[in-house]
């Protein structure tokens, strides 16, 4: 059976560009100065209140780990989950740039344990009511997890990556995995393979084998569902570029802000739980301990959009439209 990708117009166009030594139009957006000073604002409050303050088309990447109505707290209880979710999904689409993406974490839970919403509900809603494109369904596979007796124990979580338009930005080279020396040497002898691509490493595929944080992980700040920095790093590196803005309006542990600082992106983060301030303080403490305070990354962190000086516009510099 023929490879379906051979009939995909997008794949054929990218192959033609690569053979001609040309770049996709979205590559023109990259700011080469990854060491420029970045700005980071965080806020405790409702996600819709924060989103209402953000201009249209100003955000490159949204990292989104929403609650799924499993009654963990007052903010995780919605009589009609999709009626609530569609409001922030519409706002997310509004604030994304034409080259932007949203990565939504979730799971397809066993119904006996799930609430009235899960990632499948969100994907179904998006495909019916949004013009955004489902670029990938990423499987985050981890070796550690809870046991189960009435179904197969879960060892993965899904991440739905939606792109706002066909002009979405994607930097595969930033997240390639290096080949071991033996494999690399063998591939270099294969005349069918491009030596430059072999040198760069393999595509990590849409199955990411990255362990969850265990109870004594040094990354932990206290949030019960904290995501590993390695997972957020791959999203930020692949779907945003230096100097662009990353938004997380269910910011939880604050790890998105920490990764944005590390990677030379701006960030906006909000969460409804007041303990979020404590988590942010711990994340910034990790950066200091890792020597990333001023010596490597120049950055400013403020609480509340109204306190950003001189203005919010300084956080979201104009993002040029990609050429057709």
C-alpha atoms as a PDB file:
ATOM      1  CA  UNK A   1       0.000   0.000   0.000  1.00  0.00           C
ATOM      2  CA  UNK A   2       1.363   3.435  -0.915  1.00  0.00           C
ATOM      3  CA  UNK A   3       2.430   5.839   1.814  1.00  0.00           C
ATOM      4  CA  UNK A   4      -0.513   8.221   2.358  1.00  0.00           C
ATOM      5  CA  UNK A   5       1.904  11.105   2.918  1.00  0.00           C
ATOM      6  CA  UNK A   6       2.876  10.844  -0.762  1.00  0.00           C
ATOM      7  CA  UNK A   7      -0.605  12.137  -1.638  1.00  0.00           C
ATOM      8  CA  UNK A   8      -0.515  14.934   0.951  1.00  0.00           C
ATOM      9  CA  UNK A   9      -0.135  18.290  -0.798  1.00  0.00           C
ATOM     10  CA  UNK A  10       1.502  19.852   2.264  1.00  0.00           C
ATOM     11  CA  UNK A  11       4.137  17.120   2.472  1.00  0.00           C
ATOM     12  CA  UNK A  12       4.842  17.352  -1.246  1.00  0.00           C
ATOM     13  CA  UNK A  13       5.249  21.132  -1.011  1.00  0.00           C
ATOM     14  CA  UNK A  14       7.657  20.853   1.945  1.00  0.00           C
ATOM     15  CA  UNK A  15       9.711  18.221   0.124  1.00  0.00           C
ATOM     16  CA  UNK A  16       9.923  20.494  -2.914  1.00  0.00           C
ATOM     17  CA  UNK A  17      11.075  23.421  -0.744  1.00  0.00           C
ATOM     18  CA  UNK A  18      13.722  21.270   0.940  1.00  0.00           C
ATOM     19  CA  UNK A  19      15.089  20.022  -2.390  1.00  0.00           C
ATOM     20  CA  UNK A  20      15.271  23.601  -3.659  1.00  0.00           C
ATOM     21  CA  UNK A  21      17.078  24.740  -0.505  1.00  0.00           C
ATOM     22  CA  UNK A  22      14.192  27.049   0.423  1.00  0.00           C
ATOM     23  CA  UNK A  23      12.367  27.613   3.699  1.00  0.00           C
ATOM     24  CA  UNK A  24       8.675  27.600   4.557  1.00  0.00           C
ATOM     25  CA  UNK A  25       7.248  31.128   4.835  1.00  0.00           C
ATOM     26  CA  UNK A  26       6.774  30.751   8.604  1.00  0.00           C
ATOM     27  CA  UNK A  27      10.549  30.455   9.048  1.00  0.00           C
ATOM     28  CA  UNK A  28      10.803  34.172   8.256  1.00  0.00           C
ATOM     29  CA  UNK A  29       9.273  34.884  11.664  1.00  0.00           C
ATOM     30  CA  UNK A  30      12.239  33.631  13.669  1.00  0.00           C
ATOM     31  CA  UNK A  31      14.095  36.255  15.673  1.00  0.00           C
ATOM     32  CA  UNK A  32      17.714  35.125  15.701  1.00  0.00           C
ATOM     33  CA  UNK A  33      18.475  36.997  18.932  1.00  0.00           C
ATOM     34  CA  UNK A  34      17.439  34.357  21.463  1.00  0.00           C
ATOM     35  CA  UNK A  35      19.266  36.225  24.258  1.00  0.00           C
ATOM     36  CA  UNK A  36      17.123  39.401  24.081  1.00  0.00           C
ATOM     37  CA  UNK A  37      15.416  40.506  27.302  1.00  0.00           C
ATOM     38  CA  UNK A  38      11.997  38.888  27.736  1.00  0.00           C
ATOM     39  CA  UNK A  39       8.942  39.903  29.757  1.00  0.00           C
ATOM     40  CA  UNK A  40       6.737  37.634  31.829  1.00  0.00           C
ATOM     41  CA  UNK A  41       3.444  38.511  33.476  1.00  0.00           C
ATOM     42  CA  UNK A  42       1.372  36.298  35.743  1.00  0.00           C
ATOM     43  CA  UNK A  43      -1.952  36.753  37.469  1.00  0.00           C
ATOM     44  CA  UNK A  44      -4.270  34.917  39.846  1.00  0.00           C
ATOM     45  CA  UNK A  45      -7.763  34.975  38.433  1.00  0.00           C
ATOM     46  CA  UNK A  46     -10.286  33.625  35.964  1.00  0.00           C
ATOM     47  CA  UNK A  47      -8.926  32.663  32.556  1.00  0.00           C
ATOM     48  CA  UNK A  48     -11.615  34.626  30.698  1.00  0.00           C
ATOM     49  CA  UNK A  49     -10.769  37.815  32.591  1.00  0.00           C
ATOM     50  CA  UNK A  50      -7.130  37.470  31.524  1.00  0.00           C
ATOM     51  CA  UNK A  51      -7.978  36.577  27.936  1.00  0.00           C
ATOM     52  CA  UNK A  52     -10.201  39.647  27.606  1.00  0.00           C
ATOM     53  CA  UNK A  53      -7.124  41.839  28.186  1.00  0.00           C
ATOM     54  CA  UNK A  54      -5.053  40.275  25.405  1.00  0.00           C
ATOM     55  CA  UNK A  55      -5.119  41.815  21.907  1.00  0.00           C
ATOM     56  CA  UNK A  56      -6.150  39.860  18.818  1.00  0.00           C
ATOM     57  CA  UNK A  57      -3.456  37.908  16.938  1.00  0.00           C
ATOM     58  CA  UNK A  58      -0.759  38.625  19.541  1.00  0.00           C
ATOM     59  CA  UNK A  59       0.166  35.173  20.906  1.00  0.00           C
ATOM     60  CA  UNK A  60       2.290  32.548  19.142  1.00  0.00           C
ATOM     61  CA  UNK A  61       1.653  29.521  21.366  1.00  0.00           C
ATOM     62  CA  UNK A  62      -0.922  28.561  23.993  1.00  0.00           C
ATOM     63  CA  UNK A  63      -0.065  25.713  26.354  1.00  0.00           C
ATOM     64  CA  UNK A  64      -3.318  24.532  27.881  1.00  0.00           C
ATOM     65  CA  UNK A  65      -3.892  21.936  30.616  1.00  0.00           C
ATOM     66  CA  UNK A  66      -7.556  22.573  31.479  1.00  0.00           C
ATOM     67  CA  UNK A  67      -9.606  21.119  34.331  1.00  0.00           C
ATOM     68  CA  UNK A  68     -11.918  18.319  33.202  1.00  0.00           C
ATOM     69  CA  UNK A  69     -14.838  18.605  35.604  1.00  0.00           C
ATOM     70  CA  UNK A  70     -13.661  15.895  37.984  1.00  0.00           C
ATOM     71  CA  UNK A  71     -14.508  18.014  41.047  1.00  0.00           C
ATOM     72  CA  UNK A  72     -10.970  18.580  42.311  1.00  0.00           C
ATOM     73  CA  UNK A  73     -11.974  22.077  43.464  1.00  0.00           C
ATOM     74  CA  UNK A  74     -14.721  24.702  43.092  1.00  0.00           C
ATOM     75  CA  UNK A  75     -13.201  25.813  39.779  1.00  0.00           C
ATOM     76  CA  UNK A  76     -13.423  22.218  38.496  1.00  0.00           C
ATOM     77  CA  UNK A  77     -17.220  21.931  38.671  1.00  0.00           C
ATOM     78  CA  UNK A  78     -19.272  22.912  35.622  1.00  0.00           C
ATOM     79  CA  UNK A  79     -22.874  21.900  34.981  1.00  0.00           C
ATOM     80  CA  UNK A  80     -22.251  22.070  31.220  1.00  0.00           C
ATOM     81  CA  UNK A  81     -18.561  21.508  30.553  1.00  0.00           C
ATOM     82  CA  UNK A  82     -18.498  22.242  26.818  1.00  0.00           C
ATOM     83  CA  UNK A  83     -20.648  25.357  27.239  1.00  0.00           C
ATOM     84  CA  UNK A  84     -17.901  26.618  29.569  1.00  0.00           C
ATOM     85  CA  UNK A  85     -14.964  25.343  27.505  1.00  0.00           C
ATOM     86  CA  UNK A  86     -16.183  26.825  24.210  1.00  0.00           C
ATOM     87  CA  UNK A  87     -15.841  30.337  25.651  1.00  0.00           C
ATOM     88  CA  UNK A  88     -12.107  30.047  26.352  1.00  0.00           C
ATOM     89  CA  UNK A  89     -11.534  28.034  23.185  1.00  0.00           C
ATOM     90  CA  UNK A  90     -13.031  30.882  21.127  1.00  0.00           C
ATOM     91  CA  UNK A  91     -10.927  33.435  23.003  1.00  0.00           C
ATOM     92  CA  UNK A  92      -7.811  31.330  22.482  1.00  0.00           C
ATOM     93  CA  UNK A  93      -8.436  31.285  18.747  1.00  0.00           C
ATOM     94  CA  UNK A  94      -8.910  35.068  18.756  1.00  0.00           C
ATOM     95  CA  UNK A  95      -5.616  35.895  20.465  1.00  0.00           C
ATOM     96  CA  UNK A  96      -3.477  33.461  18.440  1.00  0.00           C
ATOM     97  CA  UNK A  97      -1.438  34.843  15.551  1.00  0.00           C
ATOM     98  CA  UNK A  98      -1.952  33.407  12.075  1.00  0.00           C
ATOM     99  CA  UNK A  99       1.170  31.278  12.619  1.00  0.00           C
ATOM    100  CA  UNK A 100       0.137  30.294  16.138  1.00  0.00           C
ATOM    101  CA  UNK A 101      -0.905  27.030  17.783  1.00  0.00           C
ATOM    102  CA  UNK A 102      -2.594  25.719  20.908  1.00  0.00           C
ATOM    103  CA  UNK A 103      -1.477  22.494  22.618  1.00  0.00           C
ATOM    104  CA  UNK A 104      -4.233  21.054  24.834  1.00  0.00           C
ATOM    105  CA  UNK A 105      -3.372  18.382  27.401  1.00  0.00           C
ATOM    106  CA  UNK A 106      -5.920  15.804  28.414  1.00  0.00           C
ATOM    107  CA  UNK A 107      -6.955  12.203  28.448  1.00  0.00           C
ATOM    108  CA  UNK A 108      -9.686   9.955  27.115  1.00  0.00           C
ATOM    109  CA  UNK A 109     -10.696   8.789  30.561  1.00  0.00           C
ATOM    110  CA  UNK A 110     -12.588   5.739  31.663  1.00  0.00           C
ATOM    111  CA  UNK A 111     -16.146   7.054  32.005  1.00  0.00           C
ATOM    112  CA  UNK A 112     -16.552   5.751  35.522  1.00  0.00           C
ATOM    113  CA  UNK A 113     -13.801   8.140  36.658  1.00  0.00           C
ATOM    114  CA  UNK A 114     -14.271  11.049  34.251  1.00  0.00           C
ATOM    115  CA  UNK A 115     -16.482  14.059  34.709  1.00  0.00           C
ATOM    116  CA  UNK A 116     -18.685  15.480  31.965  1.00  0.00           C
ATOM    117  CA  UNK A 117     -15.703  16.664  29.939  1.00  0.00           C
ATOM    118  CA  UNK A 118     -12.495  15.252  28.529  1.00  0.00           C
ATOM    119  CA  UNK A 119     -10.113  15.901  25.643  1.00  0.00           C
ATOM    120  CA  UNK A 120     -12.331  13.939  23.256  1.00  0.00           C
ATOM    121  CA  UNK A 121     -15.184  16.358  23.987  1.00  0.00           C
ATOM    122  CA  UNK A 122     -12.917  19.323  23.235  1.00  0.00           C
ATOM    123  CA  UNK A 123     -11.573  17.795  20.006  1.00  0.00           C
ATOM    124  CA  UNK A 124     -15.113  17.023  18.836  1.00  0.00           C
ATOM    125  CA  UNK A 125     -16.211  20.587  19.571  1.00  0.00           C
ATOM    126  CA  UNK A 126     -13.196  22.089  17.823  1.00  0.00           C
ATOM    127  CA  UNK A 127     -13.630  20.013  14.675  1.00  0.00           C
ATOM    128  CA  UNK A 128     -17.290  21.013  14.418  1.00  0.00           C
ATOM    129  CA  UNK A 129     -17.172  24.662  15.497  1.00  0.00           C
ATOM    130  CA  UNK A 130     -13.644  25.965  14.821  1.00  0.00           C
ATOM    131  CA  UNK A 131     -11.611  26.638  11.687  1.00  0.00           C
ATOM    132  CA  UNK A 132      -8.422  25.622  13.481  1.00  0.00           C
ATOM    133  CA  UNK A 133      -6.539  22.598  12.148  1.00  0.00           C
ATOM    134  CA  UNK A 134      -5.785  19.465  14.159  1.00  0.00           C
ATOM    135  CA  UNK A 135      -2.093  19.208  13.224  1.00  0.00           C
ATOM    136  CA  UNK A 136      -1.180  16.303  15.535  1.00  0.00           C
ATOM    137  CA  UNK A 137      -2.535  14.189  18.340  1.00  0.00           C
ATOM    138  CA  UNK A 138       0.585  13.676  20.461  1.00  0.00           C
ATOM    139  CA  UNK A 139       0.846  10.685  22.777  1.00  0.00           C
ATOM    140  CA  UNK A 140       2.862  11.444  25.900  1.00  0.00           C
ATOM    141  CA  UNK A 141       3.938   7.972  27.061  1.00  0.00           C
ATOM    142  CA  UNK A 142       5.363   7.473  30.546  1.00  0.00           C
ATOM    143  CA  UNK A 143       6.493   4.320  32.403  1.00  0.00           C
ATOM    144  CA  UNK A 144       5.107   5.257  35.815  1.00  0.00           C
ATOM    145  CA  UNK A 145       1.452   5.644  36.788  1.00  0.00           C
ATOM    146  CA  UNK A 146      -1.474   4.371  38.843  1.00  0.00           C
ATOM    147  CA  UNK A 147      -2.464   0.699  38.844  1.00  0.00           C
ATOM    148  CA  UNK A 148      -5.914  -0.501  37.757  1.00  0.00           C
ATOM    149  CA  UNK A 149      -8.054  -3.616  38.233  1.00  0.00           C
ATOM    150  CA  UNK A 150     -11.050  -3.127  35.905  1.00  0.00           C
ATOM    151  CA  UNK A 151      -9.210  -1.830  32.811  1.00  0.00           C
ATOM    152  CA  UNK A 152      -5.646  -1.633  31.448  1.00  0.00           C
ATOM    153  CA  UNK A 153      -3.555   0.718  33.563  1.00  0.00           C
ATOM    154  CA  UNK A 154      -3.064   4.042  31.827  1.00  0.00           C
ATOM    155  CA  UNK A 155       0.476   4.943  30.779  1.00  0.00           C
ATOM    156  CA  UNK A 156      -0.095   7.858  28.465  1.00  0.00           C
ATOM    157  CA  UNK A 157      -1.765  11.208  28.070  1.00  0.00           C
ATOM    158  CA  UNK A 158      -2.815  12.933  24.868  1.00  0.00           C
ATOM    159  CA  UNK A 159      -1.873  16.424  23.690  1.00  0.00           C
ATOM    160  CA  UNK A 160      -4.058  17.830  20.901  1.00  0.00           C
ATOM    161  CA  UNK A 161      -2.114  20.322  18.790  1.00  0.00           C
ATOM    162  CA  UNK A 162      -4.365  22.701  16.856  1.00  0.00           C
ATOM    163  CA  UNK A 163      -2.891  25.261  14.452  1.00  0.00           C
ATOM    164  CA  UNK A 164      -4.800  28.470  13.728  1.00  0.00           C
ATOM    165  CA  UNK A 165      -4.067  28.415   9.977  1.00  0.00           C
ATOM    166  CA  UNK A 166      -2.077  26.509   7.391  1.00  0.00           C
ATOM    167  CA  UNK A 167       0.704  29.072   7.907  1.00  0.00           C
ATOM    168  CA  UNK A 168       1.474  27.664  11.356  1.00  0.00           C
ATOM    169  CA  UNK A 169       5.059  27.825  12.631  1.00  0.00           C
ATOM    170  CA  UNK A 170       6.876  24.537  13.278  1.00  0.00           C
ATOM    171  CA  UNK A 171      10.608  24.101  13.979  1.00  0.00           C
ATOM    172  CA  UNK A 172      11.412  20.405  13.706  1.00  0.00           C
ATOM    173  CA  UNK A 173      15.175  20.982  13.903  1.00  0.00           C
ATOM    174  CA  UNK A 174      14.782  22.476  17.395  1.00  0.00           C
ATOM    175  CA  UNK A 175      13.459  19.183  18.784  1.00  0.00           C
ATOM    176  CA  UNK A 176      15.225  16.485  16.753  1.00  0.00           C
ATOM    177  CA  UNK A 177      16.713  13.576  18.706  1.00  0.00           C
ATOM    178  CA  UNK A 178      20.357  12.729  17.923  1.00  0.00           C
ATOM    179  CA  UNK A 179      21.172   9.274  16.569  1.00  0.00           C
ATOM    180  CA  UNK A 180      23.628   7.112  18.467  1.00  0.00           C
ATOM    181  CA  UNK A 181      27.016   6.934  16.751  1.00  0.00           C
ATOM    182  CA  UNK A 182      26.530   3.435  15.330  1.00  0.00           C
ATOM    183  CA  UNK A 183      23.152   4.286  13.790  1.00  0.00           C
ATOM    184  CA  UNK A 184      24.451   7.597  12.508  1.00  0.00           C
ATOM    185  CA  UNK A 185      27.438   5.931  10.809  1.00  0.00           C
ATOM    186  CA  UNK A 186      25.163   3.363   9.140  1.00  0.00           C
ATOM    187  CA  UNK A 187      22.742   6.016   7.902  1.00  0.00           C
ATOM    188  CA  UNK A 188      25.578   8.141   6.542  1.00  0.00           C
ATOM    189  CA  UNK A 189      26.478   5.225   4.223  1.00  0.00           C
ATOM    190  CA  UNK A 190      22.940   5.046   2.867  1.00  0.00           C
ATOM    191  CA  UNK A 191      22.952   7.073  -0.360  1.00  0.00           C
ATOM    192  CA  UNK A 192      19.173   7.450  -0.228  1.00  0.00           C
ATOM    193  CA  UNK A 193      19.399   9.593   2.927  1.00  0.00           C
ATOM    194  CA  UNK A 194      20.323  13.244   3.162  1.00  0.00           C
ATOM    195  CA  UNK A 195      23.545  13.505   5.254  1.00  0.00           C
ATOM    196  CA  UNK A 196      22.467  16.911   6.568  1.00  0.00           C
ATOM    197  CA  UNK A 197      19.207  15.462   7.900  1.00  0.00           C
ATOM    198  CA  UNK A 198      21.041  12.509   9.456  1.00  0.00           C
ATOM    199  CA  UNK A 199      23.423  14.925  11.179  1.00  0.00           C
ATOM    200  CA  UNK A 200      20.482  16.843  12.640  1.00  0.00           C
ATOM    201  CA  UNK A 201      18.886  13.717  14.115  1.00  0.00           C
ATOM    202  CA  UNK A 202      15.534  11.956  13.962  1.00  0.00           C
ATOM    203  CA  UNK A 203      12.026  13.349  14.114  1.00  0.00           C
ATOM    204  CA  UNK A 204      10.832  12.522  17.661  1.00  0.00           C
ATOM    205  CA  UNK A 205       7.443  11.404  16.181  1.00  0.00           C
ATOM    206  CA  UNK A 206       4.117  12.053  17.892  1.00  0.00           C
ATOM    207  CA  UNK A 207       4.860   9.486  20.636  1.00  0.00           C
ATOM    208  CA  UNK A 208       6.924  11.154  23.361  1.00  0.00           C
ATOM    209  CA  UNK A 209       8.485   8.807  25.913  1.00  0.00           C
ATOM    210  CA  UNK A 210       9.077  11.170  28.821  1.00  0.00           C
ATOM    211  CA  UNK A 211       8.601  10.089  32.438  1.00  0.00           C
ATOM    212  CA  UNK A 212       6.059  11.741  34.718  1.00  0.00           C
ATOM    213  CA  UNK A 213       7.330  13.524  37.806  1.00  0.00           C
ATOM    214  CA  UNK A 214       7.530  11.157  40.748  1.00  0.00           C
ATOM    215  CA  UNK A 215       6.838  12.221  44.318  1.00  0.00           C
ATOM    216  CA  UNK A 216      10.432  13.195  45.146  1.00  0.00           C
ATOM    217  CA  UNK A 217      11.290  14.884  41.836  1.00  0.00           C
ATOM    218  CA  UNK A 218      13.418  18.000  42.253  1.00  0.00           C
ATOM    219  CA  UNK A 219      11.114  19.758  39.765  1.00  0.00           C
ATOM    220  CA  UNK A 220       8.070  19.466  41.988  1.00  0.00           C
ATOM    221  CA  UNK A 221       6.536  22.632  43.452  1.00  0.00           C
ATOM    222  CA  UNK A 222       3.481  21.026  45.064  1.00  0.00           C
ATOM    223  CA  UNK A 223       0.924  21.039  42.246  1.00  0.00           C
ATOM    224  CA  UNK A 224      -0.820  17.624  42.007  1.00  0.00           C
ATOM    225  CA  UNK A 225      -0.749  17.346  38.187  1.00  0.00           C
ATOM    226  CA  UNK A 226       2.483  19.199  37.412  1.00  0.00           C
ATOM    227  CA  UNK A 227       3.860  18.497  33.931  1.00  0.00           C
ATOM    228  CA  UNK A 228       7.589  17.796  33.400  1.00  0.00           C
ATOM    229  CA  UNK A 229       9.550  20.716  32.001  1.00  0.00           C
ATOM    230  CA  UNK A 230      10.839  18.403  29.235  1.00  0.00           C
ATOM    231  CA  UNK A 231       7.333  18.052  27.751  1.00  0.00           C
ATOM    232  CA  UNK A 232       6.689  21.814  27.828  1.00  0.00           C
ATOM    233  CA  UNK A 233      10.161  22.494  26.401  1.00  0.00           C
ATOM    234  CA  UNK A 234       9.448  20.369  23.326  1.00  0.00           C
ATOM    235  CA  UNK A 235       6.202  22.243  22.660  1.00  0.00           C
ATOM    236  CA  UNK A 236       7.773  25.663  23.177  1.00  0.00           C
ATOM    237  CA  UNK A 237      10.819  24.916  21.024  1.00  0.00           C
ATOM    238  CA  UNK A 238       8.819  23.415  18.165  1.00  0.00           C
ATOM    239  CA  UNK A 239       5.780  25.721  18.054  1.00  0.00           C
ATOM    240  CA  UNK A 240       7.174  29.142  19.047  1.00  0.00           C
ATOM    241  CA  UNK A 241      10.266  31.173  18.259  1.00  0.00           C
ATOM    242  CA  UNK A 242      12.582  33.418  20.330  1.00  0.00           C
ATOM    243  CA  UNK A 243      10.919  36.702  21.220  1.00  0.00           C
ATOM    244  CA  UNK A 244       7.377  35.407  20.607  1.00  0.00           C
ATOM    245  CA  UNK A 245       4.746  35.126  23.342  1.00  0.00           C
ATOM    246  CA  UNK A 246       3.605  31.921  25.060  1.00  0.00           C
ATOM    247  CA  UNK A 247       0.282  31.958  26.942  1.00  0.00           C
ATOM    248  CA  UNK A 248      -0.926  29.531  29.624  1.00  0.00           C
ATOM    249  CA  UNK A 249      -4.272  30.427  31.221  1.00  0.00           C
ATOM    250  CA  UNK A 250      -4.517  27.213  33.283  1.00  0.00           C
ATOM    251  CA  UNK A 251      -0.949  27.672  34.479  1.00  0.00           C
ATOM    252  CA  UNK A 252      -1.087  25.362  37.509  1.00  0.00           C
ATOM    253  CA  UNK A 253       2.501  24.805  38.635  1.00  0.00           C
ATOM    254  CA  UNK A 254       3.964  27.741  36.655  1.00  0.00           C
ATOM    255  CA  UNK A 255       6.269  25.494  34.627  1.00  0.00           C
ATOM    256  CA  UNK A 256       5.292  27.190  31.347  1.00  0.00           C
ATOM    257  CA  UNK A 257       6.652  30.530  32.577  1.00  0.00           C
ATOM    258  CA  UNK A 258       9.866  28.858  33.697  1.00  0.00           C
ATOM    259  CA  UNK A 259      10.378  27.198  30.301  1.00  0.00           C
ATOM    260  CA  UNK A 260       9.545  30.422  28.449  1.00  0.00           C
ATOM    261  CA  UNK A 261      12.290  32.212  30.381  1.00  0.00           C
ATOM    262  CA  UNK A 262      14.770  29.420  29.639  1.00  0.00           C
ATOM    263  CA  UNK A 263      13.933  29.444  25.933  1.00  0.00           C
ATOM    264  CA  UNK A 264      13.947  33.213  25.381  1.00  0.00           C
ATOM    265  CA  UNK A 265      10.185  33.614  24.887  1.00  0.00           C
ATOM    266  CA  UNK A 266       7.813  36.093  26.547  1.00  0.00           C
ATOM    267  CA  UNK A 267       4.992  34.625  28.617  1.00  0.00           C
ATOM    268  CA  UNK A 268       1.585  35.321  30.115  1.00  0.00           C
ATOM    269  CA  UNK A 269       0.326  32.914  32.773  1.00  0.00           C
ATOM    270  CA  UNK A 270      -2.771  32.851  34.936  1.00  0.00           C
ATOM    271  CA  UNK A 271      -4.473  30.423  37.286  1.00  0.00           C
ATOM    272  CA  UNK A 272      -7.581  30.597  39.475  1.00  0.00           C
ATOM    273  CA  UNK A 273      -5.896  29.106  42.553  1.00  0.00           C
ATOM    274  CA  UNK A 274      -4.109  31.682  44.806  1.00  0.00           C
ATOM    275  CA  UNK A 275      -1.400  29.095  45.570  1.00  0.00           C
ATOM    276  CA  UNK A 276      -0.231  29.776  42.009  1.00  0.00           C
ATOM    277  CA  UNK A 277       1.802  32.708  43.401  1.00  0.00           C
ATOM    278  CA  UNK A 278       3.726  30.293  45.614  1.00  0.00           C
ATOM    279  CA  UNK A 279       4.379  27.964  42.695  1.00  0.00           C
ATOM    280  CA  UNK A 280       5.669  30.840  40.574  1.00  0.00           C
ATOM    281  CA  UNK A 281       8.052  31.853  43.347  1.00  0.00           C
ATOM    282  CA  UNK A 282       9.414  28.295  43.459  1.00  0.00           C
ATOM    283  CA  UNK A 283       9.818  28.130  39.676  1.00  0.00           C
ATOM    284  CA  UNK A 284      11.776  31.381  39.662  1.00  0.00           C
ATOM    285  CA  UNK A 285      13.885  29.969  42.493  1.00  0.00           C
ATOM    286  CA  UNK A 286      14.777  27.002  40.272  1.00  0.00           C
ATOM    287  CA  UNK A 287      15.990  29.417  37.603  1.00  0.00           C
ATOM    288  CA  UNK A 288      18.237  31.169  40.106  1.00  0.00           C
ATOM    289  CA  UNK A 289      19.618  27.859  41.305  1.00  0.00           C
ATOM    290  CA  UNK A 290      20.338  26.859  37.711  1.00  0.00           C
ATOM    291  CA  UNK A 291      22.232  30.086  37.082  1.00  0.00           C
ATOM    292  CA  UNK A 292      19.662  31.482  34.656  1.00  0.00           C
ATOM    293  CA  UNK A 293      19.124  34.748  36.523  1.00  0.00           C
ATOM    294  CA  UNK A 294      20.508  37.581  34.375  1.00  0.00           C
ATOM    295  CA  UNK A 295      23.767  35.786  33.571  1.00  0.00           C
ATOM    296  CA  UNK A 296      22.179  33.757  30.760  1.00  0.00           C
ATOM    297  CA  UNK A 297      18.690  35.206  30.267  1.00  0.00           C
ATOM    298  CA  UNK A 298      17.674  38.813  30.778  1.00  0.00           C
ATOM    299  CA  UNK A 299      14.036  38.870  31.844  1.00  0.00           C
ATOM    300  CA  UNK A 300      11.432  40.798  33.835  1.00  0.00           C
ATOM    301  CA  UNK A 301       8.626  39.175  35.834  1.00  0.00           C
ATOM    302  CA  UNK A 302       5.587  41.129  37.059  1.00  0.00           C
ATOM    303  CA  UNK A 303       2.245  40.205  38.594  1.00  0.00           C
ATOM    304  CA  UNK A 304      -0.826  41.625  36.861  1.00  0.00           C
ATOM    305  CA  UNK A 305      -1.093  42.968  33.338  1.00  0.00           C
ATOM    306  CA  UNK A 306      -1.889  46.426  34.693  1.00  0.00           C
ATOM    307  CA  UNK A 307       1.552  46.551  36.331  1.00  0.00           C
ATOM    308  CA  UNK A 308       3.502  45.855  33.161  1.00  0.00           C
ATOM    309  CA  UNK A 309       5.588  48.921  32.309  1.00  0.00           C
ATOM    310  CA  UNK A 310       5.607  50.733  29.965  1.00  0.00           C
ATOM    311  CA  UNK A 311       2.614  48.971  28.423  1.00  0.00           C
ATOM    312  CA  UNK A 312       1.236  45.585  27.546  1.00  0.00           C
ATOM    313  CA  UNK A 313       2.219  46.143  23.927  1.00  0.00           C
ATOM    314  CA  UNK A 314       5.863  45.804  24.963  1.00  0.00           C
ATOM    315  CA  UNK A 315       5.143  42.167  25.769  1.00  0.00           C
ATOM    316  CA  UNK A 316       3.677  41.331  22.388  1.00  0.00           C
ATOM    317  CA  UNK A 317       5.760  42.904  19.650  1.00  0.00           C
ATOM    318  CA  UNK A 318       4.153  42.906  16.229  1.00  0.00           C
ATOM    319  CA  UNK A 319       4.259  39.457  14.707  1.00  0.00           C
ATOM    320  CA  UNK A 320       4.761  39.791  10.944  1.00  0.00           C
ATOM    321  CA  UNK A 321       2.424  37.914   8.654  1.00  0.00           C
ATOM    322  CA  UNK A 322       4.059  35.012   6.826  1.00  0.00           C
ATOM    323  CA  UNK A 323       4.292  35.509   3.082  1.00  0.00           C
ATOM    324  CA  UNK A 324       2.026  33.374   0.958  1.00  0.00           C
END
